[in-house]
Amino acid sequence: DTVEPMIQCDFCQFWIHQNCDSTLSDQKMSEFENHSTKKYRCEVCRKQKENDKILKIIRELRKEDRYNLFQDAIDSEKVTNYYTVIKEAMCFNDLQDKADSGLYVNNIIQLVNDFELICKNALLFNMPKTNYFKEAKRLWESGVKILNQNIPTVMKEARE
């Protein structure tokens, strides 16, 4: 019987078989064994770290919605024709729900697309002189800066 090499995650303390983590080559295993300061983070903890970054980005984007115009879904009883004009609604609570479920971890471009949808919907539905239109335009401009700071490579790909 051969014993499969294992390593303990320094963050959650779970033990992981080397072949269960595609990032663990023999060389990486040696590095972790030989460098007591080098920390191993299992796949679950790596995803959690990535999701924490995503949640931070969403918090920053939400703060830019100064008047809370785009936090909640549009109430179809108050705005009766909204869903006849807008086919795919999106709001910050939807972004939060998707992030909480881990949807953006391996698909950060979807976060960018969903944020863009919030702004585009408001620009499409509202007349240019309204506060909703002006705030959506401002939100997009400030949001792009936040996204560029936090995920520049993704933003570059999205523009191409």
Protein backbone atom coordinates (compact mmCIF):
# COMPACT_ATOMS: atom_id res chain seq x y z
CA ASP A 1 0.00 0.00 0.00
CA THR A 2 1.22 3.47 -0.86
CA VAL A 3 0.40 6.41 1.30
CA GLU A 4 -0.87 9.40 -0.60
CA PRO A 5 0.78 12.69 0.40
CA MET A 6 -1.44 15.10 2.31
CA ILE A 7 -1.21 18.67 3.48
CA GLN A 8 -3.11 20.62 6.11
CA CYS A 9 -4.77 23.90 5.18
CA ASP A 10 -3.31 26.66 7.35
CA PHE A 11 -6.65 28.48 7.38
CA CYS A 12 -9.39 25.88 7.99
CA GLN A 13 -7.12 23.11 9.34
CA PHE A 14 -8.59 20.43 7.02
CA TRP A 15 -6.26 17.82 5.58
CA ILE A 16 -6.18 17.58 1.76
CA HIS A 17 -4.80 14.80 -0.44
CA GLN A 18 -2.24 16.15 -2.88
CA ASN A 19 -4.13 14.79 -5.87
CA CYS A 20 -7.37 16.45 -4.69
CA ASP A 21 -5.90 19.92 -5.28
CA SER A 22 -4.70 20.49 -8.84
CA THR A 23 -2.40 23.30 -7.66
CA LEU A 24 -0.33 20.89 -5.54
CA SER A 25 2.53 19.63 -7.71
CA ASP A 26 5.36 17.70 -6.10
CA GLN A 27 7.42 20.89 -6.24
CA LYS A 28 4.71 22.88 -4.41
CA MET A 29 4.41 20.17 -1.78
CA SER A 30 8.19 20.41 -1.20
CA GLU A 31 7.97 24.20 -0.93
CA PHE A 32 5.30 23.96 1.75
CA GLU A 33 7.22 21.30 3.66
CA ASN A 34 10.53 23.20 3.50
CA HIS A 35 9.29 26.72 4.21
CA SER A 36 7.57 27.01 7.54
CA THR A 37 6.44 30.58 6.74
CA LYS A 38 4.70 29.61 3.50
CA LYS A 39 0.97 29.09 4.11
CA TYR A 40 -1.15 26.56 2.24
CA ARG A 41 -4.74 27.58 1.48
CA CYS A 42 -7.09 24.80 0.31
CA GLU A 43 -9.47 25.29 -2.61
CA VAL A 44 -12.42 26.06 -0.34
CA CYS A 45 -10.44 28.73 1.51
CA ARG A 46 -9.09 30.15 -1.78
CA LYS A 47 -12.67 30.49 -3.06
CA GLN A 48 -13.74 32.11 0.21
CA LYS A 49 -10.88 34.60 -0.05
CA GLU A 50 -11.90 35.41 -3.62
CA ASN A 51 -15.55 35.80 -2.59
CA ASP A 52 -14.50 38.16 0.21
CA LYS A 53 -12.84 40.36 -2.43
CA ILE A 54 -15.99 40.27 -4.53
CA LEU A 55 -18.18 41.21 -1.56
CA LYS A 56 -15.85 44.15 -0.86
CA ILE A 57 -16.22 45.34 -4.47
CA ILE A 58 -20.02 45.10 -4.21
CA ARG A 59 -19.97 47.10 -0.95
CA GLU A 60 -17.94 49.81 -2.69
CA LEU A 61 -20.30 49.86 -5.67
CA ARG A 62 -23.36 50.03 -3.40
CA LYS A 63 -21.92 53.06 -1.59
CA GLU A 64 -21.87 54.90 -4.90
CA ASP A 65 -25.66 54.58 -5.07
CA ARG A 66 -26.01 57.73 -2.94
CA TYR A 67 -29.80 57.85 -2.97
CA ASN A 68 -30.41 54.07 -2.83
CA LEU A 69 -32.15 54.17 -6.19
CA PHE A 70 -30.76 50.86 -7.40
CA GLN A 71 -30.65 48.76 -4.23
CA ASP A 72 -34.00 46.95 -4.61
CA ALA A 73 -35.96 45.41 -7.45
CA ILE A 74 -38.49 47.71 -9.10
CA ASP A 75 -42.00 47.30 -7.69
CA SER A 76 -44.21 46.52 -10.70
CA GLU A 77 -47.27 47.85 -8.85
CA LYS A 78 -45.63 51.28 -8.51
CA VAL A 79 -43.93 51.33 -11.91
CA THR A 80 -46.42 49.41 -14.00
CA ASN A 81 -44.66 49.45 -17.36
CA TYR A 82 -41.11 48.78 -16.13
CA TYR A 83 -41.06 45.07 -16.95
CA THR A 84 -42.54 45.61 -20.40
CA VAL A 85 -39.55 47.81 -21.26
CA ILE A 86 -36.87 46.02 -19.19
CA LYS A 87 -36.61 42.32 -19.94
CA GLU A 88 -33.80 41.44 -17.52
CA ALA A 89 -34.03 43.40 -14.28
CA MET A 90 -31.07 43.77 -11.94
CA CYS A 91 -30.44 45.58 -8.65
CA PHE A 92 -27.76 45.60 -5.97
CA ASN A 93 -29.70 43.11 -3.84
CA ASP A 94 -29.55 40.69 -6.79
CA LEU A 95 -25.77 41.20 -7.01
CA GLN A 96 -25.49 40.55 -3.29
CA ASP A 97 -27.56 37.36 -3.53
CA LYS A 98 -25.41 36.07 -6.39
CA ALA A 99 -22.22 36.89 -4.48
CA ASP A 100 -23.53 35.27 -1.30
CA SER A 101 -24.16 32.08 -3.26
CA GLY A 102 -20.60 32.18 -4.68
CA LEU A 103 -21.76 32.69 -8.26
CA TYR A 104 -19.11 35.30 -9.08
CA VAL A 105 -16.10 33.40 -7.70
CA ASN A 106 -15.17 31.72 -10.97
CA ASN A 107 -17.04 34.21 -13.14
CA ILE A 108 -16.04 37.75 -12.17
CA ILE A 109 -17.04 39.02 -15.62
CA GLN A 110 -20.64 38.19 -14.67
CA LEU A 111 -20.38 40.68 -11.78
CA VAL A 112 -19.25 43.35 -14.24
CA ASN A 113 -22.09 42.46 -16.62
CA ASP A 114 -24.67 42.52 -13.82
CA PHE A 115 -23.47 45.90 -12.57
CA GLU A 116 -23.59 47.22 -16.12
CA LEU A 117 -27.14 45.90 -16.43
CA ILE A 118 -28.25 47.91 -13.38
CA CYS A 119 -26.98 51.09 -15.03
CA LYS A 120 -28.12 50.28 -18.58
CA ASN A 121 -31.64 49.45 -17.42
CA ALA A 122 -31.94 52.80 -15.65
CA LEU A 123 -30.58 54.64 -18.69
CA LEU A 124 -32.97 52.81 -21.00
CA PHE A 125 -36.08 53.22 -18.88
CA ASN A 126 -35.65 56.82 -17.68
CA MET A 127 -35.59 60.06 -19.62
CA PRO A 128 -32.20 61.86 -19.76
CA LYS A 129 -33.29 64.81 -17.62
CA THR A 130 -34.49 62.69 -14.71
CA ASN A 131 -32.50 62.12 -11.53
CA TYR A 132 -32.65 58.35 -12.12
CA PHE A 133 -30.93 58.73 -15.49
CA LYS A 134 -28.31 61.17 -14.15
CA GLU A 135 -27.57 58.97 -11.13
CA ALA A 136 -27.30 55.84 -13.28
CA LYS A 137 -24.78 57.60 -15.51
CA ARG A 138 -22.79 58.83 -12.50
CA LEU A 139 -23.00 55.37 -10.88
CA TRP A 140 -21.62 53.75 -14.03
CA GLU A 141 -18.72 56.20 -14.26
CA SER A 142 -17.74 55.83 -10.60
CA GLY A 143 -18.37 52.07 -10.69
CA VAL A 144 -16.03 51.58 -13.64
CA LYS A 145 -13.28 53.27 -11.61
CA ILE A 146 -13.91 50.90 -8.70
CA LEU A 147 -13.92 47.88 -11.00
CA ASN A 148 -10.74 49.03 -12.76
CA GLN A 149 -8.97 49.42 -9.41
CA ASN A 150 -10.05 46.00 -8.13
CA ILE A 151 -10.10 43.83 -11.23
CA PRO A 152 -8.18 45.64 -14.00
CA THR A 153 -7.48 42.57 -16.13
CA VAL A 154 -11.16 41.63 -16.21
CA MET A 155 -12.15 45.18 -17.12
CA LYS A 156 -9.58 45.21 -19.94
CA GLU A 157 -11.03 41.96 -21.31
CA ALA A 158 -14.58 43.31 -21.01
CA ARG A 159 -13.68 46.33 -23.17
CA GLU A 160 -12.10 44.17 -25.92
